[in-house]
């Protein structure tokens, strides 16, 4: 998965990008914590500055406004999320499609457990917030997700794994939708609807059941 940031007008200023990496990371984490806890509309630049022990003016020198700061955070989040998926995609390139999907879901689950604030940010955008960047950034998420799944489906087709009547775009759409619902059920108990994904003890069994359904629908019989 490539970087989500496609705008040549980078949200961070040269002043910020010239800071030591450790300071950039502190700003990113403080802003991520604020946006994931309060959403874009209620996030406070003052609180971020206080958490960092810097003047609010320094924050605006780095980014110009709250929208650009959010854009920067979103770019970093996307890169942070994409890296383990890219790694598992490459590491499983020679595996059957079902196994690649299983490994992708396990990787996503581990990421969500390690970085709960990242998914909180996404759910706020998806369910709660309306702001100028919302449609643009969410459409990029979907574009990058479908690109990821398309690469797996195309690899499977090239190896002759898929049934000949499988609609490629429908398969990609289904896997993209599966990943999104997997996110929701894994992190939000009220979105689980009884399947059990929110229960750590049932995670492997739930993933096996999902992969079995996919294989029955997509994979050609031996």
N, C-alpha and C. Protein backbone atom coordinates (compact mmCIF):
# COMPACT_ATOMS: atom_id res chain seq x y z
N UNK A 1 0.85 -1.19 0.00
CA UNK A 1 0.00 0.00 0.00
C UNK A 1 0.88 1.23 0.00
N UNK A 2 0.60 2.14 -0.88
CA UNK A 2 1.41 3.35 -0.98
C UNK A 2 1.00 4.37 0.05
N UNK A 3 1.78 5.45 0.16
CA UNK A 3 1.43 6.52 1.09
C UNK A 3 0.09 7.11 0.71
N UNK A 4 -0.69 7.46 1.70
CA UNK A 4 -2.00 8.05 1.42
C UNK A 4 -1.88 9.48 0.96
N UNK A 5 -0.75 10.13 1.24
CA UNK A 5 -0.64 11.55 0.92
C UNK A 5 -0.30 11.72 -0.55
N UNK A 6 -1.20 12.31 -1.32
CA UNK A 6 -1.01 12.48 -2.75
C UNK A 6 -0.93 13.95 -3.14
N UNK A 7 -0.99 14.83 -2.18
CA UNK A 7 -0.98 16.26 -2.45
C UNK A 7 0.44 16.77 -2.37
N UNK A 8 0.93 17.42 -3.43
CA UNK A 8 2.29 17.93 -3.41
C UNK A 8 2.44 19.09 -2.45
N UNK A 9 1.34 19.71 -2.06
CA UNK A 9 1.36 20.78 -1.06
C UNK A 9 1.35 20.13 0.31
N UNK A 10 2.54 19.76 0.79
CA UNK A 10 2.65 19.00 2.04
C UNK A 10 2.06 19.78 3.19
N UNK A 11 1.34 19.11 4.10
CA UNK A 11 0.71 19.82 5.22
C UNK A 11 1.70 20.38 6.22
N UNK A 12 2.87 19.78 6.35
CA UNK A 12 3.86 20.26 7.32
C UNK A 12 4.83 21.23 6.65
N UNK A 13 5.22 22.26 7.39
CA UNK A 13 6.15 23.27 6.86
C UNK A 13 7.58 22.74 6.88
N UNK A 14 8.45 23.43 6.15
CA UNK A 14 9.87 23.08 6.16
C UNK A 14 10.45 23.22 7.56
N UNK A 15 9.95 24.19 8.32
CA UNK A 15 10.41 24.38 9.70
C UNK A 15 10.19 23.11 10.51
N UNK A 16 8.99 22.53 10.37
CA UNK A 16 8.69 21.31 11.11
C UNK A 16 9.54 20.15 10.60
N UNK A 17 9.65 20.02 9.29
CA UNK A 17 10.38 18.89 8.71
C UNK A 17 11.87 18.94 9.01
N UNK A 18 12.36 20.10 9.39
CA UNK A 18 13.77 20.23 9.76
C UNK A 18 14.02 19.93 11.24
N UNK A 19 12.94 19.71 12.00
CA UNK A 19 13.11 19.33 13.40
C UNK A 19 13.70 17.92 13.50
N UNK A 20 14.38 17.61 14.60
CA UNK A 20 14.83 16.23 14.81
C UNK A 20 13.64 15.27 14.79
N UNK A 21 13.88 14.05 14.33
CA UNK A 21 12.80 13.07 14.21
C UNK A 21 12.07 12.84 15.53
N UNK A 22 12.82 12.86 16.63
CA UNK A 22 12.19 12.63 17.94
C UNK A 22 11.16 13.71 18.25
N UNK A 23 11.47 14.96 17.91
CA UNK A 23 10.52 16.05 18.15
C UNK A 23 9.32 15.95 17.21
N UNK A 24 9.56 15.58 15.96
CA UNK A 24 8.45 15.38 15.04
C UNK A 24 7.52 14.29 15.57
N UNK A 25 8.09 13.22 16.08
CA UNK A 25 7.29 12.11 16.60
C UNK A 25 6.45 12.55 17.79
N UNK A 26 7.01 13.38 18.67
CA UNK A 26 6.26 13.86 19.83
C UNK A 26 5.07 14.71 19.40
N UNK A 27 5.28 15.57 18.40
CA UNK A 27 4.18 16.40 17.90
C UNK A 27 3.10 15.51 17.28
N UNK A 28 3.52 14.56 16.48
CA UNK A 28 2.57 13.64 15.85
C UNK A 28 1.75 12.91 16.90
N UNK A 29 2.41 12.36 17.92
CA UNK A 29 1.69 11.57 18.92
C UNK A 29 0.73 12.43 19.72
N UNK A 30 1.16 13.64 20.09
CA UNK A 30 0.28 14.53 20.85
C UNK A 30 -0.95 14.91 20.03
N UNK A 31 -0.74 15.19 18.75
CA UNK A 31 -1.86 15.56 17.88
C UNK A 31 -2.78 14.36 17.64
N UNK A 32 -2.19 13.19 17.43
CA UNK A 32 -3.00 11.98 17.24
C UNK A 32 -3.85 11.70 18.47
N UNK A 33 -3.26 11.81 19.65
CA UNK A 33 -4.02 11.59 20.88
C UNK A 33 -5.18 12.57 20.99
N UNK A 34 -4.94 13.82 20.64
CA UNK A 34 -5.99 14.85 20.74
C UNK A 34 -7.10 14.59 19.73
N UNK A 35 -6.75 14.35 18.48
CA UNK A 35 -7.77 14.14 17.45
C UNK A 35 -8.55 12.84 17.69
N UNK A 36 -7.88 11.79 18.14
CA UNK A 36 -8.59 10.53 18.36
C UNK A 36 -9.50 10.60 19.58
N UNK A 37 -9.13 11.43 20.55
CA UNK A 37 -9.96 11.56 21.75
C UNK A 37 -11.13 12.51 21.55
N UNK A 38 -10.93 13.57 20.76
CA UNK A 38 -11.94 14.63 20.68
C UNK A 38 -12.51 14.85 19.28
N UNK A 39 -11.93 14.21 18.26
CA UNK A 39 -12.38 14.47 16.90
C UNK A 39 -11.82 15.78 16.38
N UNK A 40 -12.03 16.01 15.09
CA UNK A 40 -11.48 17.22 14.47
C UNK A 40 -12.13 18.47 15.04
N UNK A 41 -13.45 18.48 15.11
CA UNK A 41 -14.16 19.70 15.49
C UNK A 41 -13.86 20.17 16.89
N UNK A 42 -13.74 19.24 17.83
CA UNK A 42 -13.53 19.59 19.23
C UNK A 42 -12.07 19.55 19.66
N UNK A 43 -11.19 19.14 18.77
CA UNK A 43 -9.77 19.11 19.11
C UNK A 43 -9.27 20.53 19.38
N UNK A 44 -8.36 20.65 20.32
CA UNK A 44 -7.85 21.96 20.74
C UNK A 44 -6.36 22.07 20.48
N UNK A 45 -6.00 23.06 19.67
CA UNK A 45 -4.57 23.33 19.45
C UNK A 45 -3.89 23.73 20.75
N UNK A 46 -4.64 24.41 21.62
CA UNK A 46 -4.07 24.79 22.92
C UNK A 46 -3.69 23.56 23.74
N UNK A 47 -4.57 22.54 23.74
CA UNK A 47 -4.26 21.33 24.51
C UNK A 47 -3.04 20.62 23.92
N UNK A 48 -2.95 20.58 22.61
CA UNK A 48 -1.79 19.94 21.98
C UNK A 48 -0.51 20.67 22.36
N UNK A 49 -0.55 22.00 22.26
CA UNK A 49 0.64 22.79 22.60
C UNK A 49 1.03 22.59 24.07
N UNK A 50 0.03 22.56 24.96
CA UNK A 50 0.33 22.36 26.38
C UNK A 50 0.95 20.98 26.62
N UNK A 51 0.42 19.98 25.95
CA UNK A 51 0.96 18.63 26.11
C UNK A 51 2.42 18.55 25.66
N UNK A 52 2.76 19.38 24.69
CA UNK A 52 4.12 19.39 24.16
C UNK A 52 5.04 20.35 24.90
N UNK A 53 4.43 21.25 25.69
CA UNK A 53 5.23 22.26 26.37
C UNK A 53 5.78 23.30 25.43
N UNK A 54 5.02 23.63 24.37
CA UNK A 54 5.45 24.65 23.42
C UNK A 54 4.35 25.71 23.30
N UNK A 55 4.70 26.83 22.70
CA UNK A 55 3.71 27.88 22.46
C UNK A 55 2.79 27.47 21.32
N UNK A 56 1.52 27.88 21.41
CA UNK A 56 0.57 27.58 20.33
C UNK A 56 1.07 28.14 19.01
N UNK A 57 1.75 29.29 19.06
CA UNK A 57 2.28 29.88 17.84
C UNK A 57 3.27 28.99 17.12
N UNK A 58 4.02 28.20 17.89
CA UNK A 58 4.98 27.27 17.27
C UNK A 58 4.24 26.20 16.47
N UNK A 59 3.12 25.74 17.03
CA UNK A 59 2.33 24.73 16.34
C UNK A 59 1.82 25.25 15.00
N UNK A 60 1.36 26.50 14.99
CA UNK A 60 0.88 27.07 13.74
C UNK A 60 2.02 27.39 12.79
N UNK A 61 3.20 27.64 13.33
CA UNK A 61 4.36 27.82 12.46
C UNK A 61 4.69 26.50 11.74
N UNK A 62 4.45 25.41 12.42
CA UNK A 62 4.72 24.09 11.83
C UNK A 62 3.69 23.70 10.77
N UNK A 63 2.41 24.07 11.00
CA UNK A 63 1.35 23.56 10.13
C UNK A 63 0.41 24.62 9.56
N UNK A 64 0.36 25.79 10.11
CA UNK A 64 -0.49 26.84 9.57
C UNK A 64 -1.87 26.87 10.18
N UNK A 65 -2.55 25.73 10.25
CA UNK A 65 -3.88 25.67 10.84
C UNK A 65 -4.20 24.24 11.26
N UNK A 66 -5.34 24.08 11.93
CA UNK A 66 -5.71 22.77 12.47
C UNK A 66 -5.97 21.76 11.36
N UNK A 67 -6.53 22.23 10.26
CA UNK A 67 -6.83 21.32 9.16
C UNK A 67 -5.56 20.69 8.60
N UNK A 68 -4.52 21.49 8.45
CA UNK A 68 -3.26 20.96 7.92
C UNK A 68 -2.58 20.03 8.93
N UNK A 69 -2.73 20.34 10.21
CA UNK A 69 -2.19 19.45 11.23
C UNK A 69 -2.91 18.10 11.18
N UNK A 70 -4.23 18.13 11.04
CA UNK A 70 -4.98 16.88 10.93
C UNK A 70 -4.55 16.11 9.69
N UNK A 71 -4.37 16.81 8.59
CA UNK A 71 -3.93 16.16 7.36
C UNK A 71 -2.59 15.46 7.57
N UNK A 72 -1.68 16.13 8.25
CA UNK A 72 -0.38 15.54 8.54
C UNK A 72 -0.53 14.27 9.39
N UNK A 73 -1.34 14.36 10.43
CA UNK A 73 -1.57 13.21 11.30
C UNK A 73 -2.15 12.05 10.49
N UNK A 74 -3.11 12.36 9.64
CA UNK A 74 -3.74 11.32 8.84
C UNK A 74 -2.74 10.65 7.91
N UNK A 75 -1.86 11.44 7.29
CA UNK A 75 -0.84 10.87 6.43
C UNK A 75 0.07 9.91 7.20
N UNK A 76 0.47 10.34 8.39
CA UNK A 76 1.34 9.50 9.20
C UNK A 76 0.63 8.22 9.63
N UNK A 77 -0.62 8.35 10.03
CA UNK A 77 -1.41 7.18 10.43
C UNK A 77 -1.50 6.19 9.28
N UNK A 78 -1.78 6.69 8.09
CA UNK A 78 -1.92 5.81 6.93
C UNK A 78 -0.63 5.06 6.64
N UNK A 79 0.49 5.76 6.72
CA UNK A 79 1.76 5.10 6.51
C UNK A 79 2.06 4.06 7.58
N UNK A 80 1.72 4.39 8.81
CA UNK A 80 1.93 3.48 9.93
C UNK A 80 1.10 2.21 9.77
N UNK A 81 -0.12 2.36 9.26
CA UNK A 81 -1.00 1.22 9.06
C UNK A 81 -0.60 0.41 7.84
N UNK A 82 -0.14 1.10 6.80
CA UNK A 82 0.16 0.41 5.54
C UNK A 82 1.39 -0.47 5.63
N UNK A 83 2.36 -0.08 6.45
CA UNK A 83 3.63 -0.80 6.47
C UNK A 83 3.50 -2.27 6.83
N UNK A 84 2.82 -2.65 7.93
CA UNK A 84 2.71 -4.08 8.23
C UNK A 84 1.89 -4.85 7.19
N UNK A 85 0.90 -4.19 6.59
CA UNK A 85 0.14 -4.87 5.54
C UNK A 85 0.99 -5.10 4.30
N UNK A 86 1.80 -4.12 3.97
CA UNK A 86 2.71 -4.28 2.83
C UNK A 86 3.68 -5.44 3.10
N UNK A 87 4.17 -5.51 4.32
CA UNK A 87 5.12 -6.56 4.66
C UNK A 87 4.48 -7.94 4.57
N UNK A 88 3.26 -8.08 5.10
CA UNK A 88 2.62 -9.39 5.07
C UNK A 88 2.20 -9.75 3.65
N UNK A 89 1.83 -8.76 2.85
CA UNK A 89 1.51 -9.03 1.45
C UNK A 89 2.73 -9.61 0.73
N UNK A 90 3.89 -8.99 0.93
CA UNK A 90 5.10 -9.44 0.24
C UNK A 90 5.58 -10.78 0.78
N UNK A 91 5.45 -10.98 2.09
CA UNK A 91 5.93 -12.22 2.71
C UNK A 91 5.08 -13.43 2.32
N UNK A 92 3.82 -13.19 1.94
CA UNK A 92 2.92 -14.30 1.61
C UNK A 92 2.64 -14.40 0.12
N UNK A 93 3.47 -13.76 -0.68
CA UNK A 93 3.18 -13.67 -2.12
C UNK A 93 2.97 -15.03 -2.77
N UNK A 94 3.64 -16.06 -2.28
CA UNK A 94 3.54 -17.39 -2.89
C UNK A 94 2.50 -18.28 -2.20
N UNK A 95 1.78 -17.72 -1.23
CA UNK A 95 0.78 -18.50 -0.49
C UNK A 95 -0.58 -18.45 -1.21
N UNK A 96 -1.46 -19.43 -0.95
CA UNK A 96 -2.82 -19.38 -1.51
C UNK A 96 -3.57 -18.16 -0.99
N UNK A 97 -4.58 -17.76 -1.73
CA UNK A 97 -5.34 -16.55 -1.37
C UNK A 97 -5.91 -16.64 0.04
N UNK A 98 -6.49 -17.77 0.40
CA UNK A 98 -7.08 -17.89 1.73
C UNK A 98 -6.08 -17.63 2.84
N UNK A 99 -4.88 -18.17 2.68
CA UNK A 99 -3.85 -17.96 3.70
C UNK A 99 -3.40 -16.50 3.73
N UNK A 100 -3.34 -15.87 2.58
CA UNK A 100 -2.94 -14.45 2.53
C UNK A 100 -3.98 -13.57 3.22
N UNK A 101 -5.24 -13.89 3.02
CA UNK A 101 -6.30 -13.14 3.70
C UNK A 101 -6.21 -13.37 5.21
N UNK A 102 -6.02 -14.62 5.60
CA UNK A 102 -5.90 -14.94 7.04
C UNK A 102 -4.75 -14.14 7.67
N UNK A 103 -3.60 -14.12 7.03
CA UNK A 103 -2.45 -13.40 7.58
C UNK A 103 -2.70 -11.89 7.61
N UNK A 104 -3.39 -11.38 6.61
CA UNK A 104 -3.70 -9.94 6.59
C UNK A 104 -4.61 -9.58 7.77
N UNK A 105 -5.62 -10.41 8.03
CA UNK A 105 -6.54 -10.13 9.13
C UNK A 105 -5.84 -10.23 10.48
N UNK A 106 -4.96 -11.20 10.64
CA UNK A 106 -4.20 -11.32 11.88
C UNK A 106 -3.28 -10.11 12.07
N UNK A 107 -2.69 -9.65 10.98
CA UNK A 107 -1.81 -8.48 11.04
C UNK A 107 -2.60 -7.24 11.44
N UNK A 108 -3.77 -7.07 10.85
CA UNK A 108 -4.62 -5.93 11.20
C UNK A 108 -5.02 -5.99 12.66
N UNK A 109 -5.37 -7.19 13.14
CA UNK A 109 -5.77 -7.33 14.53
C UNK A 109 -4.64 -6.93 15.47
N UNK A 110 -3.43 -7.36 15.17
CA UNK A 110 -2.28 -7.02 16.01
C UNK A 110 -2.01 -5.52 15.98
N UNK A 111 -2.18 -4.91 14.82
CA UNK A 111 -1.97 -3.46 14.71
C UNK A 111 -3.00 -2.70 15.54
N UNK A 112 -4.25 -3.09 15.44
CA UNK A 112 -5.31 -2.41 16.18
C UNK A 112 -5.10 -2.53 17.69
N UNK A 113 -4.62 -3.69 18.12
CA UNK A 113 -4.36 -3.88 19.54
C UNK A 113 -3.22 -2.99 20.02
N UNK A 114 -2.20 -2.83 19.17
CA UNK A 114 -1.04 -2.03 19.55
C UNK A 114 -1.29 -0.53 19.42
N UNK A 115 -2.21 -0.14 18.54
CA UNK A 115 -2.44 1.28 18.26
C UNK A 115 -3.94 1.60 18.26
N UNK A 116 -4.60 1.48 19.39
CA UNK A 116 -6.06 1.72 19.42
C UNK A 116 -6.44 3.14 19.05
N UNK A 117 -5.55 4.10 19.29
CA UNK A 117 -5.88 5.49 18.97
C UNK A 117 -6.01 5.71 17.47
N UNK A 118 -5.33 4.89 16.68
CA UNK A 118 -5.41 5.03 15.22
C UNK A 118 -6.82 4.71 14.75
N UNK A 119 -7.38 3.60 15.24
CA UNK A 119 -8.73 3.26 14.79
C UNK A 119 -9.77 4.18 15.38
N UNK A 120 -9.56 4.69 16.58
CA UNK A 120 -10.49 5.68 17.14
C UNK A 120 -10.57 6.90 16.23
N UNK A 121 -9.44 7.31 15.69
CA UNK A 121 -9.44 8.44 14.77
C UNK A 121 -10.28 8.13 13.53
N UNK A 122 -10.10 6.94 12.98
CA UNK A 122 -10.85 6.54 11.79
C UNK A 122 -12.35 6.48 12.06
N UNK A 123 -12.74 5.88 13.19
CA UNK A 123 -14.17 5.77 13.47
C UNK A 123 -14.81 7.13 13.70
N UNK A 124 -14.07 8.05 14.27
CA UNK A 124 -14.62 9.41 14.43
C UNK A 124 -14.88 10.03 13.06
N UNK A 125 -13.97 9.84 12.14
CA UNK A 125 -14.18 10.35 10.79
C UNK A 125 -15.36 9.67 10.12
N UNK A 126 -15.44 8.36 10.29
CA UNK A 126 -16.43 7.57 9.57
C UNK A 126 -17.85 7.81 10.08
N UNK A 127 -18.02 7.88 11.39
CA UNK A 127 -19.34 7.89 11.98
C UNK A 127 -19.78 9.22 12.58
N UNK A 128 -18.84 10.06 12.99
CA UNK A 128 -19.22 11.18 13.84
C UNK A 128 -18.96 12.55 13.23
N UNK A 129 -18.01 12.67 12.35
CA UNK A 129 -17.51 14.00 12.02
C UNK A 129 -17.85 14.45 10.61
N UNK A 130 -17.96 15.76 10.46
CA UNK A 130 -18.07 16.37 9.15
C UNK A 130 -17.14 17.57 9.13
N UNK A 131 -16.17 17.53 8.24
CA UNK A 131 -15.22 18.63 8.12
C UNK A 131 -14.66 18.62 6.71
N UNK A 132 -13.97 19.66 6.27
CA UNK A 132 -13.62 19.81 4.86
C UNK A 132 -12.85 18.65 4.25
N UNK A 133 -11.98 17.99 5.01
CA UNK A 133 -11.15 16.93 4.44
C UNK A 133 -11.80 15.56 4.48
N UNK A 134 -12.94 15.43 5.11
CA UNK A 134 -13.48 14.11 5.41
C UNK A 134 -13.65 13.25 4.16
N UNK A 135 -14.36 13.74 3.17
CA UNK A 135 -14.64 12.92 1.99
C UNK A 135 -13.36 12.60 1.23
N UNK A 136 -12.47 13.57 1.12
CA UNK A 136 -11.22 13.35 0.40
C UNK A 136 -10.39 12.25 1.06
N UNK A 137 -10.22 12.35 2.37
CA UNK A 137 -9.37 11.39 3.06
C UNK A 137 -10.01 10.01 3.13
N UNK A 138 -11.31 9.95 3.38
CA UNK A 138 -11.97 8.64 3.41
C UNK A 138 -11.95 7.97 2.05
N UNK A 139 -12.08 8.75 0.98
CA UNK A 139 -12.03 8.15 -0.35
C UNK A 139 -10.63 7.60 -0.64
N UNK A 140 -9.60 8.24 -0.09
CA UNK A 140 -8.24 7.71 -0.26
C UNK A 140 -8.06 6.41 0.50
N UNK A 141 -8.65 6.32 1.68
CA UNK A 141 -8.60 5.07 2.43
C UNK A 141 -9.18 3.94 1.61
N UNK A 142 -10.37 4.18 1.05
CA UNK A 142 -11.01 3.14 0.25
C UNK A 142 -10.18 2.81 -0.99
N UNK A 143 -9.61 3.81 -1.63
CA UNK A 143 -8.81 3.57 -2.82
C UNK A 143 -7.59 2.72 -2.51
N UNK A 144 -6.91 3.02 -1.42
CA UNK A 144 -5.72 2.27 -1.06
C UNK A 144 -6.08 0.86 -0.60
N UNK A 145 -7.19 0.72 0.11
CA UNK A 145 -7.62 -0.60 0.55
C UNK A 145 -7.97 -1.48 -0.65
N UNK A 146 -8.73 -0.94 -1.59
CA UNK A 146 -9.10 -1.74 -2.75
C UNK A 146 -7.88 -2.08 -3.60
N UNK A 147 -6.92 -1.18 -3.66
CA UNK A 147 -5.69 -1.48 -4.40
C UNK A 147 -4.97 -2.66 -3.77
N UNK A 148 -4.94 -2.68 -2.44
CA UNK A 148 -4.30 -3.79 -1.72
C UNK A 148 -5.00 -5.11 -2.04
N UNK A 149 -6.32 -5.13 -1.89
CA UNK A 149 -7.04 -6.38 -2.12
C UNK A 149 -7.01 -6.78 -3.59
N UNK A 150 -7.03 -5.82 -4.49
CA UNK A 150 -6.96 -6.16 -5.91
C UNK A 150 -5.65 -6.88 -6.23
N UNK A 151 -4.57 -6.46 -5.62
CA UNK A 151 -3.29 -7.12 -5.89
C UNK A 151 -3.34 -8.59 -5.47
N UNK A 152 -3.99 -8.88 -4.33
CA UNK A 152 -4.10 -10.27 -3.89
C UNK A 152 -5.01 -11.08 -4.80
N UNK A 153 -6.13 -10.49 -5.21
CA UNK A 153 -7.07 -11.21 -6.07
C UNK A 153 -6.45 -11.45 -7.45
N UNK A 154 -5.74 -10.47 -7.97
CA UNK A 154 -5.10 -10.64 -9.28
C UNK A 154 -4.01 -11.70 -9.22
N UNK A 155 -3.25 -11.73 -8.12
CA UNK A 155 -2.24 -12.79 -7.97
C UNK A 155 -2.91 -14.16 -7.97
N UNK A 156 -4.03 -14.27 -7.25
CA UNK A 156 -4.74 -15.55 -7.18
C UNK A 156 -5.28 -15.96 -8.55
N UNK A 157 -5.78 -14.99 -9.29
CA UNK A 157 -6.28 -15.28 -10.64
C UNK A 157 -5.15 -15.75 -11.54
N UNK A 158 -4.01 -15.07 -11.45
CA UNK A 158 -2.87 -15.43 -12.30
C UNK A 158 -2.38 -16.85 -12.01
N UNK A 159 -2.55 -17.31 -10.77
CA UNK A 159 -2.14 -18.68 -10.41
C UNK A 159 -3.23 -19.70 -10.70
N UNK A 160 -4.38 -19.25 -11.19
CA UNK A 160 -5.47 -20.16 -11.50
C UNK A 160 -6.25 -20.61 -10.29
N UNK A 161 -6.19 -19.86 -9.20
CA UNK A 161 -6.89 -20.25 -7.97
C UNK A 161 -8.39 -19.97 -8.03
N UNK A 162 -8.78 -18.93 -8.75
CA UNK A 162 -10.16 -18.46 -8.68
C UNK A 162 -11.07 -19.24 -9.62
N UNK A 163 -12.34 -19.32 -9.23
CA UNK A 163 -13.34 -19.84 -10.16
C UNK A 163 -13.37 -18.94 -11.39
N UNK A 164 -13.59 -19.50 -12.57
CA UNK A 164 -13.57 -18.69 -13.79
C UNK A 164 -14.69 -17.66 -13.87
N UNK A 165 -15.78 -17.88 -13.12
CA UNK A 165 -16.91 -16.96 -13.20
C UNK A 165 -16.86 -15.86 -12.14
N UNK A 166 -15.77 -15.77 -11.38
CA UNK A 166 -15.67 -14.75 -10.33
C UNK A 166 -15.56 -13.36 -10.96
N UNK A 167 -16.40 -12.45 -10.51
CA UNK A 167 -16.32 -11.05 -10.91
C UNK A 167 -15.22 -10.40 -10.07
N UNK A 168 -14.15 -9.97 -10.72
CA UNK A 168 -12.99 -9.45 -9.99
C UNK A 168 -13.33 -8.23 -9.15
N UNK A 169 -14.08 -7.30 -9.72
CA UNK A 169 -14.41 -6.09 -8.98
C UNK A 169 -15.32 -6.39 -7.79
N UNK A 170 -16.23 -7.34 -7.97
CA UNK A 170 -17.09 -7.73 -6.86
C UNK A 170 -16.27 -8.38 -5.75
N UNK A 171 -15.29 -9.20 -6.13
CA UNK A 171 -14.43 -9.85 -5.13
C UNK A 171 -13.63 -8.82 -4.35
N UNK A 172 -13.09 -7.82 -5.05
CA UNK A 172 -12.31 -6.77 -4.39
C UNK A 172 -13.21 -5.97 -3.45
N UNK A 173 -14.41 -5.62 -3.92
CA UNK A 173 -15.36 -4.87 -3.09
C UNK A 173 -15.71 -5.66 -1.83
N UNK A 174 -15.94 -6.95 -2.00
CA UNK A 174 -16.30 -7.79 -0.86
C UNK A 174 -15.18 -7.84 0.17
N UNK A 175 -13.94 -8.01 -0.28
CA UNK A 175 -12.81 -8.10 0.65
C UNK A 175 -12.56 -6.76 1.34
N UNK A 176 -12.75 -5.67 0.62
CA UNK A 176 -12.62 -4.34 1.22
C UNK A 176 -13.68 -4.15 2.30
N UNK A 177 -14.91 -4.56 2.00
CA UNK A 177 -15.99 -4.44 2.98
C UNK A 177 -15.74 -5.35 4.18
N UNK A 178 -15.23 -6.54 3.92
CA UNK A 178 -14.90 -7.46 5.01
C UNK A 178 -13.88 -6.84 5.96
N UNK A 179 -12.84 -6.23 5.40
CA UNK A 179 -11.81 -5.62 6.24
C UNK A 179 -12.39 -4.51 7.11
N UNK A 180 -13.27 -3.70 6.53
CA UNK A 180 -13.85 -2.60 7.29
C UNK A 180 -14.72 -3.12 8.44
N UNK A 181 -15.54 -4.13 8.16
CA UNK A 181 -16.36 -4.71 9.23
C UNK A 181 -15.51 -5.45 10.26
N UNK A 182 -14.42 -6.04 9.81
CA UNK A 182 -13.50 -6.68 10.73
C UNK A 182 -12.94 -5.66 11.71
N UNK A 183 -12.51 -4.48 11.17
CA UNK A 183 -12.05 -3.39 12.04
C UNK A 183 -13.09 -3.09 13.11
N UNK A 184 -14.32 -2.89 12.66
CA UNK A 184 -15.39 -2.44 13.56
C UNK A 184 -15.65 -3.47 14.65
N UNK A 185 -15.84 -4.72 14.25
CA UNK A 185 -16.19 -5.76 15.21
C UNK A 185 -15.04 -6.07 16.17
N UNK A 186 -13.83 -5.92 15.69
CA UNK A 186 -12.67 -6.22 16.53
C UNK A 186 -12.47 -5.16 17.60
N UNK A 187 -12.80 -3.92 17.31
CA UNK A 187 -12.48 -2.82 18.22
C UNK A 187 -13.69 -2.25 18.96
N UNK A 188 -14.90 -2.45 18.43
CA UNK A 188 -16.09 -1.86 19.03
C UNK A 188 -17.06 -2.99 19.39
N UNK A 189 -17.22 -3.31 20.67
CA UNK A 189 -18.06 -4.45 21.06
C UNK A 189 -19.47 -4.39 20.49
N UNK A 190 -20.06 -3.19 20.42
CA UNK A 190 -21.44 -3.08 19.95
C UNK A 190 -21.57 -3.31 18.45
N UNK A 191 -20.43 -3.38 17.73
CA UNK A 191 -20.46 -3.67 16.30
C UNK A 191 -20.18 -5.14 16.00
N UNK A 192 -19.99 -5.94 17.04
CA UNK A 192 -19.66 -7.35 16.84
C UNK A 192 -20.88 -8.16 16.43
N UNK A 193 -22.04 -7.84 16.93
CA UNK A 193 -23.33 -8.49 16.61
C UNK A 193 -23.33 -9.99 16.88
N UNK A 194 -22.53 -10.45 17.84
CA UNK A 194 -22.60 -11.84 18.26
C UNK A 194 -21.64 -12.79 17.58
N UNK A 195 -20.91 -12.36 16.58
CA UNK A 195 -19.99 -13.26 15.87
C UNK A 195 -18.82 -13.66 16.77
N UNK A 196 -18.33 -12.74 17.58
CA UNK A 196 -17.28 -13.08 18.53
C UNK A 196 -15.92 -12.50 18.23
N UNK A 197 -15.81 -11.65 17.22
CA UNK A 197 -14.50 -11.10 16.86
C UNK A 197 -13.90 -10.25 17.97
N UNK A 198 -14.75 -9.67 18.81
CA UNK A 198 -14.22 -8.83 19.88
C UNK A 198 -13.59 -9.65 21.00
N UNK A 199 -13.86 -10.95 21.00
CA UNK A 199 -13.34 -11.85 22.02
C UNK A 199 -12.00 -12.41 21.56
N UNK A 200 -10.92 -12.09 22.27
CA UNK A 200 -9.59 -12.56 21.88
C UNK A 200 -9.54 -14.08 21.75
N UNK A 201 -10.27 -14.77 22.61
CA UNK A 201 -10.23 -16.23 22.60
C UNK A 201 -10.85 -16.82 21.34
N UNK A 202 -11.71 -16.05 20.67
CA UNK A 202 -12.38 -16.55 19.47
C UNK A 202 -11.79 -16.00 18.17
N UNK A 203 -10.75 -15.19 18.28
CA UNK A 203 -10.23 -14.51 17.10
C UNK A 203 -9.84 -15.49 15.99
N UNK A 204 -9.01 -16.48 16.32
CA UNK A 204 -8.54 -17.41 15.29
C UNK A 204 -9.71 -18.17 14.66
N UNK A 205 -10.65 -18.62 15.49
CA UNK A 205 -11.80 -19.36 14.96
C UNK A 205 -12.66 -18.48 14.06
N UNK A 206 -12.83 -17.22 14.45
CA UNK A 206 -13.62 -16.30 13.62
C UNK A 206 -12.94 -16.04 12.28
N UNK A 207 -11.64 -15.85 12.31
CA UNK A 207 -10.91 -15.63 11.06
C UNK A 207 -10.99 -16.86 10.18
N UNK A 208 -10.84 -18.05 10.77
CA UNK A 208 -10.95 -19.28 9.98
C UNK A 208 -12.33 -19.38 9.33
N UNK A 209 -13.38 -19.01 10.07
CA UNK A 209 -14.73 -19.08 9.53
C UNK A 209 -14.91 -18.10 8.38
N UNK A 210 -14.38 -16.90 8.53
CA UNK A 210 -14.48 -15.92 7.45
C UNK A 210 -13.73 -16.38 6.21
N UNK A 211 -12.52 -16.88 6.41
CA UNK A 211 -11.72 -17.34 5.27
C UNK A 211 -12.39 -18.52 4.59
N UNK A 212 -13.00 -19.41 5.36
CA UNK A 212 -13.70 -20.55 4.78
C UNK A 212 -14.84 -20.08 3.87
N UNK A 213 -15.59 -19.07 4.33
CA UNK A 213 -16.67 -18.52 3.50
C UNK A 213 -16.12 -17.94 2.20
N UNK A 214 -15.02 -17.23 2.31
CA UNK A 214 -14.41 -16.62 1.12
C UNK A 214 -13.95 -17.70 0.15
N UNK A 215 -13.28 -18.71 0.68
CA UNK A 215 -12.76 -19.77 -0.19
C UNK A 215 -13.89 -20.50 -0.90
N UNK A 216 -15.00 -20.72 -0.22
CA UNK A 216 -16.14 -21.40 -0.86
C UNK A 216 -16.73 -20.57 -1.99
N UNK A 217 -16.63 -19.24 -1.85
CA UNK A 217 -17.21 -18.38 -2.87
C UNK A 217 -16.29 -18.04 -4.02
N UNK A 218 -14.97 -18.01 -3.77
CA UNK A 218 -14.04 -17.53 -4.78
C UNK A 218 -13.15 -18.60 -5.40
N UNK A 219 -12.78 -19.59 -4.59
CA UNK A 219 -11.74 -20.52 -5.02
C UNK A 219 -12.32 -21.65 -5.86
N UNK A 220 -11.65 -21.94 -6.96
CA UNK A 220 -12.08 -23.03 -7.83
C UNK A 220 -11.86 -24.37 -7.13
N UNK A 221 -12.75 -25.34 -7.32
CA UNK A 221 -12.55 -26.67 -6.72
C UNK A 221 -11.32 -27.34 -7.32
N UNK A 222 -10.64 -28.11 -6.49
CA UNK A 222 -9.44 -28.81 -6.97
C UNK A 222 -9.82 -29.95 -7.91
